[in-house]
Amino acid sequence: QSSDITEPRFSLEVLRNLDRISLIGLIPERVGRSFILDRATKIAAGGTVTDMLESSEHTVPPGWTTNLDFGLESLERLKRSKISVTPKQVRVTAVTESTEEQSAVEQALLKAKPKGVILVMEISAPRPVIAPFRFRMRIDGDNIALQSCSSDTRAARDRILRAVREAGGKQKLACDIGLGVPTTEWDEAIVQSVQTLAALGSGTLDVSDSDISLVIADPLSQSRFNSLVGSLESSLPELFSLQAVPPPKISLDGIQTATEAPEFVATRSPEGLVQLRGRIQNQQAKESVGAFAAALFGASAVNNRTLIDPDLPDGWPTRVLAGLEGLSELNHGSIVVQPNNVEIRGVSAQPEITTKISKIFAMRFGFGMHYKIDVKHNPKLIAKDKPVDAHQCEAQLNTVLAKQQIAFAPGSSSIEASSQGVLDAIAVILRKCPDIRFVIEGHTDSQGRDEMNLSLSQQRANAVLYGLLSRRILITGLTAKGFGETQPLRDNSTETGRAANRRIAFRLTIDDATAKVPKETQADE
């Protein structure tokens, strides 16, 4: 028989729930089973003690006695706990009534811990419900005040407070932890907003659940404000909405006046990259402008960082779309849209570029709108004509519709005003794809009679065709056809599915998959 005998792994686990205690594990016989039972019975104070201990006559390992004494002392302090004792460490898991009690228990255990004992603590407290989740921070010069802070976890709290310190916060910082967070990306939104406020300078950041308000105090250029706030809005998690109030404008005599006039700015680089900045009156308009720009310049080339401003003057979308259409005729340049003026600058390969943009603006604006055209012709920029790929045209059309469908009034073929920008974007693509034949498909959901849905889908396809005709698109190659409810994309049993099935689509009618039309055949409209 081998003299090598494996030493047992001694451990004690004690579970306590008020006056009920359970003892589980393997203990050294020499320590005395009765010693542990007596201590547990005294702590239970007349309650129930369940003994599931086993013992062994092996030598008591180093550290066991000290760890056992400390573990039983900890059990006496904690009415709802689990104490795990081994020769190497003591692990205390407990639930307290409040965060204040949690902190007090942690401090007491650390103070009572004998020297040399390894203590692992998992002390928790029930998290309160916070409604609404709030965050408020103010920067006034070098003074940074964190006036309210909520978080859902310790890790989220630490990340938020670290961002405040990096912004310059030097005061003692605190952040409540609780239930009720509107999204698990709360801390991400707060950190991004704090960083933006710090970059903008003095002001106030106020967040309530998913609504973010950013009010800037110091004078700041419109372009810098638009750039920083636009970057924040585009990077925020999807649930959050941002309202940003621009800084006041300071006149030459130092008197604070009204904020700068709103503007929309778009730039196109020589490489073809397009940046959209400035103001758009609502989310639908922002999506329409984005779809229109994607149709003009290609979706991958457009960076849309516009801001929502519901107080913009009437006719703003028309000016923005006209400016973008003019910019699409330039190799590189910029447009600036303001309440009383539209200005376009840049360079083009087209000799008659000024006349062409003038026609676009005249058709879009009508009489009375003031605009300035400062564009130049550079013959060195003349590019080689590329054939028009019919399938690429089809993909561009349906990409626009995937971003924003053409909306109709319920049960009607009347196109909603919010979808006029989508029709504008489709018209731009079709001008660049002449002599290519498409079917404009109308589709409905399954609600209603089959005959009624077929008729409605045909009427809606016709409405799109007439909408394009009103935009001076040659419609000889376009056919409108309604399919009713016969070609659903999604399950009609859900509202989401039905919404997806109510749609307009463009389908190529030529058979040659490689069909391309030379640009020389394009009509000059």
Protein backbone atom coordinates (compact mmCIF):
# COMPACT_ATOMS: atom_id res chain seq x y z
CA GLN A 1 0.00 0.00 0.00
CA SER A 2 1.32 3.42 -0.94
CA SER A 3 2.31 5.80 1.87
CA ASP A 4 1.09 8.75 -0.21
CA ILE A 5 -2.38 9.55 1.13
CA THR A 6 -4.34 12.35 -0.51
CA GLU A 7 -5.32 14.99 2.01
CA PRO A 8 -9.05 15.78 2.05
CA ARG A 9 -10.25 19.17 0.85
CA PHE A 10 -11.80 20.69 3.91
CA SER A 11 -14.53 23.26 3.39
CA LEU A 12 -17.55 24.63 5.20
CA GLU A 13 -20.50 26.34 3.61
CA VAL A 14 -23.03 28.03 5.84
CA LEU A 15 -26.35 29.33 4.50
CA ARG A 16 -28.34 31.72 6.65
CA ASN A 17 -31.80 33.17 6.06
CA LEU A 18 -32.74 35.03 9.24
CA ASP A 19 -33.19 32.24 11.88
CA ARG A 20 -32.65 29.29 9.53
CA ILE A 21 -29.09 28.02 9.12
CA SER A 22 -27.75 25.11 7.07
CA LEU A 23 -24.26 23.64 7.55
CA ILE A 24 -22.69 21.74 4.65
CA GLY A 25 -19.17 20.42 4.10
CA LEU A 26 -16.23 18.38 5.26
CA ILE A 27 -14.48 19.55 8.45
CA PRO A 28 -11.51 18.30 10.49
CA GLU A 29 -12.66 16.10 13.40
CA ARG A 30 -10.25 17.81 15.82
CA VAL A 31 -11.95 21.17 15.40
CA GLY A 32 -15.09 19.72 16.92
CA ARG A 33 -18.41 19.32 15.21
CA SER A 34 -20.11 20.42 18.41
CA PHE A 35 -18.18 23.72 18.36
CA ILE A 36 -19.64 24.68 14.97
CA LEU A 37 -23.14 23.49 15.87
CA ASP A 38 -23.10 25.42 19.16
CA ARG A 39 -22.08 28.64 17.40
CA ALA A 40 -24.71 28.17 14.71
CA THR A 41 -27.43 27.40 17.27
CA LYS A 42 -26.59 30.54 19.21
CA ILE A 43 -26.72 32.68 16.03
CA ALA A 44 -30.07 31.13 14.99
CA ALA A 45 -31.51 32.18 18.39
CA GLY A 46 -34.14 29.47 18.61
CA GLY A 47 -34.45 28.92 14.88
CA THR A 48 -33.64 25.86 12.81
CA VAL A 49 -30.10 24.55 12.30
CA THR A 50 -29.70 21.84 9.64
CA ASP A 51 -26.57 19.74 10.07
CA MET A 52 -25.20 18.16 6.88
CA LEU A 53 -21.57 18.11 7.98
CA GLU A 54 -19.08 15.31 7.50
CA SER A 55 -15.77 15.02 9.37
CA SER A 56 -12.34 13.50 8.89
CA GLU A 57 -9.53 12.70 11.36
CA HIS A 58 -6.83 14.17 9.12
CA THR A 59 -4.55 16.91 10.34
CA VAL A 60 -6.06 20.38 10.60
CA PRO A 61 -4.56 22.37 7.68
CA PRO A 62 -2.86 25.74 8.26
CA GLY A 63 -5.28 28.67 8.20
CA TRP A 64 -8.40 26.60 8.85
CA THR A 65 -9.01 27.60 12.47
CA THR A 66 -8.53 31.34 11.89
CA ASN A 67 -10.66 31.34 8.76
CA LEU A 68 -13.39 29.32 10.51
CA ASP A 69 -13.59 31.76 13.44
CA PHE A 70 -13.81 34.75 11.11
CA GLY A 71 -16.41 33.03 8.92
CA LEU A 72 -18.67 32.34 11.90
CA GLU A 73 -18.24 35.92 13.14
CA SER A 74 -19.30 37.16 9.70
CA LEU A 75 -22.33 34.86 9.77
CA GLU A 76 -23.43 36.49 13.02
CA ARG A 77 -23.35 39.95 11.36
CA LEU A 78 -25.29 39.00 8.23
CA LYS A 79 -28.88 37.80 8.44
CA ARG A 80 -29.11 36.78 4.80
CA SER A 81 -25.80 35.36 3.68
CA LYS A 82 -23.67 32.50 2.48
CA ILE A 83 -20.28 32.00 4.14
CA SER A 84 -17.78 29.70 2.42
CA VAL A 85 -14.68 28.74 4.42
CA THR A 86 -11.59 26.92 3.14
CA PRO A 87 -8.04 26.85 4.54
CA LYS A 88 -7.07 29.46 1.92
CA GLN A 89 -9.88 32.02 2.04
CA VAL A 90 -13.26 33.15 3.32
CA ARG A 91 -15.92 34.12 0.79
CA VAL A 92 -18.86 36.17 2.04
CA THR A 93 -21.96 36.55 -0.12
CA ALA A 94 -24.77 38.62 1.38
CA VAL A 95 -27.80 40.76 0.62
CA THR A 96 -28.34 44.02 2.51
CA GLU A 97 -31.37 46.30 2.79
CA SER A 98 -29.80 49.40 1.22
CA THR A 99 -26.69 50.75 -0.42
CA GLU A 100 -25.84 52.48 2.86
CA GLU A 101 -26.00 49.16 4.72
CA GLN A 102 -24.01 47.51 1.96
CA SER A 103 -21.18 50.03 2.39
CA ALA A 104 -21.30 49.69 6.20
CA VAL A 105 -21.10 45.88 6.04
CA GLU A 106 -18.16 45.96 3.65
CA GLN A 107 -16.27 48.36 5.91
CA ALA A 108 -17.06 46.31 9.04
CA LEU A 109 -15.88 43.04 7.47
CA LEU A 110 -12.63 44.61 6.30
CA LYS A 111 -12.03 46.05 9.76
CA ALA A 112 -12.73 42.73 11.53
CA LYS A 113 -10.69 40.59 9.14
CA PRO A 114 -7.68 39.02 10.90
CA LYS A 115 -4.28 39.64 9.42
CA GLY A 116 -3.40 37.08 6.77
CA VAL A 117 -6.99 36.08 5.99
CA ILE A 118 -7.97 36.34 2.33
CA LEU A 119 -11.50 37.79 2.16
CA VAL A 120 -13.68 37.75 -0.94
CA MET A 121 -16.85 39.84 -0.61
CA GLU A 122 -19.96 39.81 -2.79
CA ILE A 123 -22.26 42.15 -0.87
CA SER A 124 -25.30 43.41 -2.77
CA ALA A 125 -28.22 45.72 -2.10
CA PRO A 126 -31.60 45.88 -3.86
CA ARG A 127 -31.45 48.58 -6.52
CA PRO A 128 -34.13 51.25 -6.34
CA VAL A 129 -36.32 52.06 -9.31
CA ILE A 130 -35.22 55.37 -10.86
CA ALA A 131 -37.88 57.14 -12.90
CA PRO A 132 -37.01 58.93 -14.99
CA PHE A 133 -33.35 58.09 -15.51
CA ARG A 134 -31.66 61.49 -15.29
CA PHE A 135 -28.30 63.05 -16.01
CA ARG A 136 -27.56 66.76 -15.72
CA MET A 137 -24.19 68.43 -16.03
CA ARG A 138 -23.22 72.08 -16.38
CA ILE A 139 -19.94 73.58 -17.58
CA ASP A 140 -19.35 77.25 -16.76
CA GLY A 141 -15.76 78.14 -17.54
CA ASP A 142 -13.55 76.06 -15.25
CA ASN A 143 -16.49 75.16 -13.02
CA ILE A 144 -18.04 71.79 -13.82
CA ALA A 145 -21.08 70.71 -11.80
CA LEU A 146 -22.58 67.23 -11.97
CA GLN A 147 -26.09 67.94 -10.69
CA SER A 148 -27.78 64.59 -11.34
CA CYS A 149 -26.58 61.17 -12.45
CA SER A 150 -28.22 57.74 -12.87
CA SER A 151 -26.75 54.43 -13.98
CA ASP A 152 -27.83 50.80 -14.10
CA THR A 153 -24.58 49.06 -13.11
CA ARG A 154 -21.33 49.83 -11.33
CA ALA A 155 -19.44 49.49 -14.59
CA ALA A 156 -21.78 51.99 -16.29
CA ARG A 157 -21.46 54.37 -13.33
CA ASP A 158 -17.67 54.20 -13.42
CA ARG A 159 -17.60 54.87 -17.16
CA ILE A 160 -19.90 57.89 -16.86
CA LEU A 161 -17.94 59.40 -13.96
CA ARG A 162 -14.66 58.82 -15.78
CA ALA A 163 -16.00 60.83 -18.75
CA VAL A 164 -17.01 63.67 -16.38
CA ARG A 165 -13.52 63.70 -14.83
CA GLU A 166 -11.90 63.74 -18.27
CA ALA A 167 -14.08 66.75 -19.10
CA GLY A 168 -12.57 68.52 -16.11
CA GLY A 169 -14.82 67.54 -13.20
CA LYS A 170 -12.84 67.80 -9.95
CA GLN A 171 -15.58 67.71 -7.34
CA LYS A 172 -16.57 64.59 -5.44
CA LEU A 173 -18.69 62.73 -8.00
CA ALA A 174 -21.60 60.42 -7.29
CA CYS A 175 -24.01 58.53 -9.52
CA ASP A 176 -27.07 56.57 -8.35
CA ILE A 177 -27.40 52.94 -9.41
CA GLY A 178 -30.92 51.64 -9.95
CA LEU A 179 -33.51 49.92 -12.07
CA GLY A 180 -35.45 51.52 -14.91
CA VAL A 181 -32.73 52.28 -17.44
CA PRO A 182 -34.40 53.02 -20.82
CA THR A 183 -31.71 51.09 -22.72
CA THR A 184 -28.54 49.18 -21.92
CA GLU A 185 -26.72 51.76 -24.08
CA TRP A 186 -27.54 54.56 -21.60
CA ASP A 187 -23.93 54.97 -20.46
CA GLU A 188 -22.72 55.10 -24.08
CA ALA A 189 -25.13 57.95 -24.85
CA ILE A 190 -24.14 59.86 -21.70
CA VAL A 191 -20.41 59.51 -22.35
CA GLN A 192 -20.77 60.74 -25.96
CA SER A 193 -22.92 63.68 -24.84
CA VAL A 194 -20.45 64.67 -22.09
CA GLN A 195 -17.57 64.59 -24.55
CA THR A 196 -19.52 66.79 -27.00
CA LEU A 197 -20.41 69.33 -24.29
CA ALA A 198 -16.75 69.50 -23.26
CA ALA A 199 -15.71 70.10 -26.88
CA LEU A 200 -18.34 72.83 -27.32
CA GLY A 201 -17.34 74.66 -24.13
CA SER A 202 -19.74 76.15 -21.60
CA GLY A 203 -23.31 74.93 -21.48
CA THR A 204 -25.77 72.49 -19.96
CA LEU A 205 -26.41 68.84 -20.75
CA ASP A 206 -29.74 67.51 -19.51
CA VAL A 207 -30.87 63.93 -20.19
CA SER A 208 -34.22 62.44 -19.14
CA ASP A 209 -34.61 58.80 -20.18
CA SER A 210 -34.02 58.94 -23.97
CA ASP A 211 -34.40 62.72 -24.46
CA ILE A 212 -31.16 64.70 -24.60
CA SER A 213 -31.07 68.50 -24.35
CA LEU A 214 -27.85 70.36 -25.08
CA VAL A 215 -27.83 74.13 -24.48
CA ILE A 216 -24.62 75.97 -25.36
CA ALA A 217 -23.76 79.15 -23.45
CA ASP A 218 -20.59 80.51 -25.07
CA PRO A 219 -20.54 82.12 -28.52
CA LEU A 220 -19.54 79.60 -31.14
CA SER A 221 -19.46 79.53 -34.91
CA GLN A 222 -22.46 77.95 -36.59
CA SER A 223 -20.24 75.57 -38.54
CA ARG A 224 -18.46 74.23 -35.44
CA PHE A 225 -21.75 73.85 -33.60
CA ASN A 226 -23.28 71.99 -36.54
CA SER A 227 -20.24 69.76 -36.93
CA LEU A 228 -19.97 68.68 -33.28
CA VAL A 229 -23.69 68.33 -32.64
CA GLY A 230 -24.20 66.57 -35.97
CA SER A 231 -21.47 64.07 -35.08
CA LEU A 232 -23.15 63.41 -31.73
CA GLU A 233 -26.59 62.92 -33.27
CA SER A 234 -25.34 60.48 -35.88
CA SER A 235 -23.45 58.36 -33.33
CA LEU A 236 -26.05 58.22 -30.55
CA PRO A 237 -27.78 54.86 -29.93
CA GLU A 238 -30.99 54.54 -31.91
CA LEU A 239 -33.46 55.17 -29.05
CA PHE A 240 -32.14 58.63 -28.16
CA SER A 241 -33.34 61.95 -29.54
CA LEU A 242 -31.26 65.12 -29.37
CA GLN A 243 -32.39 68.73 -29.08
CA ALA A 244 -29.49 71.16 -29.34
CA VAL A 245 -29.84 74.89 -28.77
CA PRO A 246 -27.13 76.92 -30.55
CA PRO A 247 -25.07 79.53 -28.72
CA PRO A 248 -25.98 83.23 -28.73
CA LYS A 249 -24.39 85.53 -31.26
CA ILE A 250 -22.26 88.44 -30.03
CA SER A 251 -22.31 91.65 -32.05
CA LEU A 252 -19.32 93.92 -32.54
CA ASP A 253 -20.26 96.09 -29.55
CA GLY A 254 -20.27 93.03 -27.29
CA ILE A 255 -24.04 92.90 -26.88
CA GLN A 256 -25.60 89.44 -26.98
CA THR A 257 -28.11 89.18 -29.82
CA ALA A 258 -30.26 86.44 -31.29
CA THR A 259 -28.71 83.17 -32.37
CA GLU A 260 -27.20 82.91 -35.83
CA ALA A 261 -29.55 82.38 -38.75
CA PRO A 262 -30.11 78.69 -39.48
CA GLU A 263 -28.37 77.22 -42.47
CA PHE A 264 -27.87 74.00 -44.37
CA VAL A 265 -24.43 73.28 -45.81
CA ALA A 266 -23.39 70.54 -48.23
CA THR A 267 -19.88 70.03 -49.59
CA ARG A 268 -18.58 67.74 -52.31
CA SER A 269 -14.89 66.93 -52.42
CA PRO A 270 -12.91 66.24 -55.63
CA GLU A 271 -12.96 62.58 -54.57
CA GLY A 272 -16.75 62.61 -54.59
CA LEU A 273 -17.36 62.55 -50.83
CA VAL A 274 -20.41 64.55 -49.76
CA GLN A 275 -20.91 66.03 -46.28
CA LEU A 276 -24.36 67.23 -45.21
CA ARG A 277 -24.45 69.64 -42.24
CA GLY A 278 -26.84 72.15 -40.74
CA ARG A 279 -30.60 72.21 -40.21
CA ILE A 280 -33.53 70.12 -41.41
CA GLN A 281 -37.03 70.64 -40.01
CA ASN A 282 -37.97 67.06 -39.00
CA GLN A 283 -36.91 63.43 -39.15
CA GLN A 284 -38.92 62.66 -42.28
CA ALA A 285 -37.31 65.56 -44.11
CA LYS A 286 -33.89 64.40 -42.96
CA GLU A 287 -34.54 60.92 -44.36
CA SER A 288 -35.86 62.37 -47.62
CA VAL A 289 -32.82 64.61 -48.04
CA GLY A 290 -30.56 61.65 -47.28
CA ALA A 291 -32.31 59.49 -49.86
CA PHE A 292 -32.17 62.30 -52.42
CA ALA A 293 -28.43 62.81 -51.81
CA ALA A 294 -27.81 59.06 -52.02
CA ALA A 295 -29.55 59.00 -55.40
CA LEU A 296 -27.41 61.90 -56.64
CA PHE A 297 -24.01 60.96 -55.27
CA GLY A 298 -24.24 57.30 -54.21
CA ALA A 299 -25.16 56.12 -50.71
CA SER A 300 -21.59 55.26 -49.72
CA ALA A 301 -20.38 58.78 -50.58
CA VAL A 302 -22.88 60.65 -48.36
CA ASN A 303 -22.35 61.52 -44.70
CA ASN A 304 -25.60 62.97 -43.33
CA ARG A 305 -25.06 64.85 -40.07
CA THR A 306 -27.92 67.30 -40.29
CA LEU A 307 -29.77 68.48 -37.18
CA ILE A 308 -33.51 68.70 -36.53
CA ASP A 309 -34.88 72.23 -36.22
CA PRO A 310 -38.71 72.50 -36.34
CA ASP A 311 -38.62 76.31 -36.53
CA LEU A 312 -37.20 76.57 -40.05
CA PRO A 313 -39.04 78.79 -42.55
CA ASP A 314 -41.48 77.51 -45.16
CA GLY A 315 -39.93 76.24 -48.38
CA TRP A 316 -36.74 75.04 -46.68
CA PRO A 317 -36.85 71.49 -48.15
CA THR A 318 -37.26 72.87 -51.67
CA ARG A 319 -34.15 75.03 -51.30
CA VAL A 320 -32.13 72.13 -49.89
CA LEU A 321 -33.13 69.73 -52.68
CA ALA A 322 -32.47 72.36 -55.36
CA GLY A 323 -29.06 73.08 -53.87
CA LEU A 324 -28.15 69.39 -53.82
CA GLU A 325 -29.26 68.96 -57.42
CA GLY A 326 -27.07 71.90 -58.40
CA LEU A 327 -24.14 70.46 -56.42
CA SER A 328 -24.49 67.16 -58.30
CA GLU A 329 -23.54 69.00 -61.50
CA LEU A 330 -20.19 70.05 -60.01
CA ASN A 331 -16.98 68.11 -59.81
CA HIS A 332 -16.47 69.66 -56.38
CA GLY A 333 -18.03 72.55 -54.55
CA SER A 334 -20.45 73.60 -51.82
CA ILE A 335 -23.92 74.94 -51.24
CA VAL A 336 -25.20 77.07 -48.35
CA VAL A 337 -28.94 77.40 -47.79
CA GLN A 338 -30.16 80.23 -45.57
CA PRO A 339 -33.64 81.67 -44.94
CA ASN A 340 -33.28 84.38 -47.57
CA ASN A 341 -30.53 83.09 -49.82
CA VAL A 342 -29.03 80.03 -51.53
CA GLU A 343 -25.40 80.16 -52.59
CA ILE A 344 -23.52 77.60 -54.65
CA ARG A 345 -19.80 77.59 -55.41
CA GLY A 346 -17.53 75.14 -57.20
CA VAL A 347 -15.97 73.80 -60.35
CA SER A 348 -17.46 71.72 -63.18
CA ALA A 349 -16.34 70.13 -66.41
CA GLN A 350 -19.48 71.41 -68.18
CA PRO A 351 -18.98 74.61 -70.24
CA GLU A 352 -22.54 75.89 -69.65
CA ILE A 353 -22.64 75.01 -65.97
CA THR A 354 -23.89 78.42 -64.80
CA THR A 355 -26.82 78.29 -67.21
CA LYS A 356 -27.67 74.72 -66.24
CA ILE A 357 -27.73 75.47 -62.50
CA SER A 358 -29.76 78.62 -63.16
CA LYS A 359 -32.39 76.50 -64.89
CA ILE A 360 -32.49 74.08 -61.97
CA PHE A 361 -32.93 76.89 -59.44
CA ALA A 362 -35.51 78.72 -61.55
CA MET A 363 -37.58 75.58 -61.93
CA ARG A 364 -37.35 74.74 -58.22
CA PHE A 365 -37.68 78.19 -56.66
CA GLY A 366 -40.03 80.00 -58.98
CA PHE A 367 -40.09 83.80 -58.86
CA GLY A 368 -38.67 85.90 -56.02
CA MET A 369 -36.09 83.63 -54.37
CA HIS A 370 -32.61 85.17 -54.06
CA TYR A 371 -29.69 82.94 -54.98
CA LYS A 372 -26.05 83.34 -55.95
CA ILE A 373 -24.18 81.10 -58.40
CA ASP A 374 -20.39 81.26 -58.33
CA VAL A 375 -19.22 78.28 -60.39
CA LYS A 376 -16.39 77.90 -62.87
CA HIS A 377 -15.74 75.72 -65.87
CA ASN A 378 -12.51 73.73 -65.92
CA PRO A 379 -12.03 71.87 -69.22
CA LYS A 380 -9.31 69.71 -67.68
CA LEU A 381 -11.98 67.96 -65.61
CA ILE A 382 -13.79 66.47 -68.60
CA ALA A 383 -14.31 62.84 -67.74
CA LYS A 384 -14.78 59.88 -69.99
CA ASP A 385 -18.40 58.98 -70.48
CA LYS A 386 -19.33 55.65 -68.97
CA PRO A 387 -22.18 53.50 -70.23
CA VAL A 388 -25.30 53.48 -68.09
CA ASP A 389 -25.81 50.08 -66.46
CA ALA A 390 -29.54 49.28 -66.44
CA HIS A 391 -29.28 46.96 -63.46
CA GLN A 392 -27.34 49.56 -61.52
CA CYS A 393 -30.14 52.04 -62.23
CA GLU A 394 -32.68 49.51 -60.93
CA ALA A 395 -30.61 48.95 -57.78
CA GLN A 396 -30.32 52.70 -57.15
CA LEU A 397 -34.08 53.17 -57.46
CA ASN A 398 -34.89 50.39 -55.03
CA THR A 399 -32.17 51.53 -52.62
CA VAL A 400 -33.94 54.88 -52.35
CA LEU A 401 -37.25 53.08 -51.71
CA ALA A 402 -35.63 50.78 -49.13
CA LYS A 403 -34.54 53.82 -47.14
CA GLN A 404 -37.95 55.50 -47.34
CA GLN A 405 -41.04 54.13 -49.02
CA ILE A 406 -43.53 56.32 -50.87
CA ALA A 407 -46.35 56.85 -48.39
CA PHE A 408 -50.01 57.19 -49.37
CA ALA A 409 -53.02 58.39 -47.43
CA PRO A 410 -54.88 55.38 -45.93
CA GLY A 411 -57.04 53.64 -48.53
CA SER A 412 -56.06 56.26 -51.11
CA SER A 413 -53.71 56.81 -54.04
CA SER A 414 -52.83 60.32 -52.83
CA ILE A 415 -49.09 60.57 -52.18
CA GLU A 416 -48.26 62.08 -48.77
CA ALA A 417 -46.33 65.36 -48.71
CA SER A 418 -43.55 63.67 -46.72
CA SER A 419 -42.82 61.44 -49.75
CA GLN A 420 -42.32 64.17 -52.32
CA GLY A 421 -38.59 64.11 -51.62
CA VAL A 422 -38.51 60.39 -52.45
CA LEU A 423 -40.09 61.12 -55.83
CA ASP A 424 -37.49 63.85 -56.37
CA ALA A 425 -34.71 61.34 -55.70
CA ILE A 426 -36.26 58.81 -58.11
CA ALA A 427 -36.58 61.49 -60.79
CA VAL A 428 -32.88 62.33 -60.49
CA ILE A 429 -31.93 58.68 -61.09
CA LEU A 430 -34.30 58.28 -64.02
CA ARG A 431 -32.82 61.37 -65.72
CA LYS A 432 -29.48 59.59 -65.67
CA CYS A 433 -31.03 56.34 -66.93
CA PRO A 434 -32.98 57.32 -70.07
CA ASP A 435 -34.24 54.74 -72.57
CA ILE A 436 -34.32 52.04 -69.89
CA ARG A 437 -37.71 50.43 -69.39
CA PHE A 438 -39.10 49.87 -65.90
CA VAL A 439 -42.31 48.57 -64.42
CA ILE A 440 -43.54 50.67 -61.49
CA GLU A 441 -45.02 48.00 -59.22
CA GLY A 442 -47.76 48.75 -56.70
CA HIS A 443 -48.32 46.29 -53.81
CA THR A 444 -50.73 46.20 -50.87
CA ASP A 445 -51.21 44.14 -47.71
CA SER A 446 -53.96 41.52 -47.37
CA GLN A 447 -56.50 43.66 -45.53
CA GLY A 448 -59.64 44.19 -47.57
CA ARG A 449 -61.05 42.39 -50.61
CA ASP A 450 -58.75 41.05 -53.32
CA GLU A 451 -60.40 43.15 -56.02
CA MET A 452 -60.17 46.32 -53.96
CA ASN A 453 -56.49 45.76 -53.19
CA LEU A 454 -55.69 45.09 -56.85
CA SER A 455 -57.43 48.30 -57.89
CA LEU A 456 -55.74 50.34 -55.13
CA SER A 457 -52.27 49.03 -56.02
CA GLN A 458 -52.85 49.99 -59.68
CA GLN A 459 -54.00 53.48 -58.70
CA ARG A 460 -50.93 53.99 -56.50
CA ALA A 461 -48.55 52.83 -59.24
CA ASN A 462 -50.30 55.27 -61.58
CA ALA A 463 -49.89 58.07 -59.01
CA VAL A 464 -46.13 57.49 -58.95
CA LEU A 465 -46.02 57.53 -62.75
CA TYR A 466 -47.91 60.86 -62.87
CA GLY A 467 -45.71 62.25 -60.09
CA LEU A 468 -42.65 61.54 -62.22
CA LEU A 469 -44.32 63.07 -65.26
CA SER A 470 -44.90 66.28 -63.29
CA ARG A 471 -41.14 66.31 -62.67
CA ARG A 472 -40.51 66.35 -66.43
CA ILE A 473 -39.44 62.71 -66.64
CA LEU A 474 -40.02 61.03 -69.99
CA ILE A 475 -42.40 58.17 -69.14
CA THR A 476 -42.42 56.35 -72.48
CA GLY A 477 -40.26 53.61 -70.94
CA LEU A 478 -42.28 53.37 -67.71
CA THR A 479 -45.26 51.11 -67.11
CA ALA A 480 -47.45 51.18 -63.99
CA LYS A 481 -48.82 47.84 -62.80
CA GLY A 482 -50.68 46.89 -59.63
CA PHE A 483 -50.23 43.46 -58.04
CA GLY A 484 -52.55 43.86 -55.06
CA GLU A 485 -51.71 41.47 -52.22
CA THR A 486 -50.32 38.66 -54.43
CA GLN A 487 -46.60 39.26 -53.79
CA PRO A 488 -46.07 39.83 -50.05
CA LEU A 489 -42.57 40.31 -48.66
CA ARG A 490 -43.52 39.62 -45.03
CA ASP A 491 -46.18 37.89 -42.96
CA ASN A 492 -49.47 39.80 -43.20
CA SER A 493 -50.50 38.68 -39.69
CA THR A 494 -48.43 41.46 -38.05
CA GLU A 495 -48.56 45.24 -38.47
CA THR A 496 -44.83 45.29 -39.23
CA GLY A 497 -45.33 42.71 -41.96
CA ARG A 498 -48.29 44.54 -43.45
CA ALA A 499 -46.36 47.82 -43.50
CA ALA A 500 -43.53 46.11 -45.43
CA ASN A 501 -45.98 44.69 -47.95
CA ARG A 502 -47.52 48.10 -48.74
CA ARG A 503 -44.85 49.28 -51.16
CA ILE A 504 -43.78 50.66 -54.52
CA ALA A 505 -40.94 48.95 -56.40
CA PHE A 506 -39.17 49.41 -59.73
CA ARG A 507 -38.47 46.35 -61.87
CA LEU A 508 -36.32 46.26 -65.00
CA THR A 509 -38.18 44.89 -68.01
CA ILE A 510 -35.24 44.11 -70.33
CA ASP A 511 -33.96 40.56 -70.59
CA ASP A 512 -30.28 41.23 -71.24
CA ALA A 513 -28.56 41.11 -67.83
CA THR A 514 -25.58 43.01 -69.22
CA ALA A 515 -27.61 45.67 -70.98
CA LYS A 516 -25.98 49.09 -70.94
CA VAL A 517 -27.06 52.29 -72.63
CA PRO A 518 -24.38 54.72 -73.88
CA LYS A 519 -24.64 58.17 -72.33
CA GLU A 520 -24.65 59.74 -75.78
CA THR A 521 -28.28 58.60 -76.17
CA GLN A 522 -29.46 60.60 -73.16
CA ALA A 523 -32.02 63.30 -73.89
CA ASP A 524 -31.18 66.85 -72.81
CA GLU A 525 -33.93 67.84 -70.44
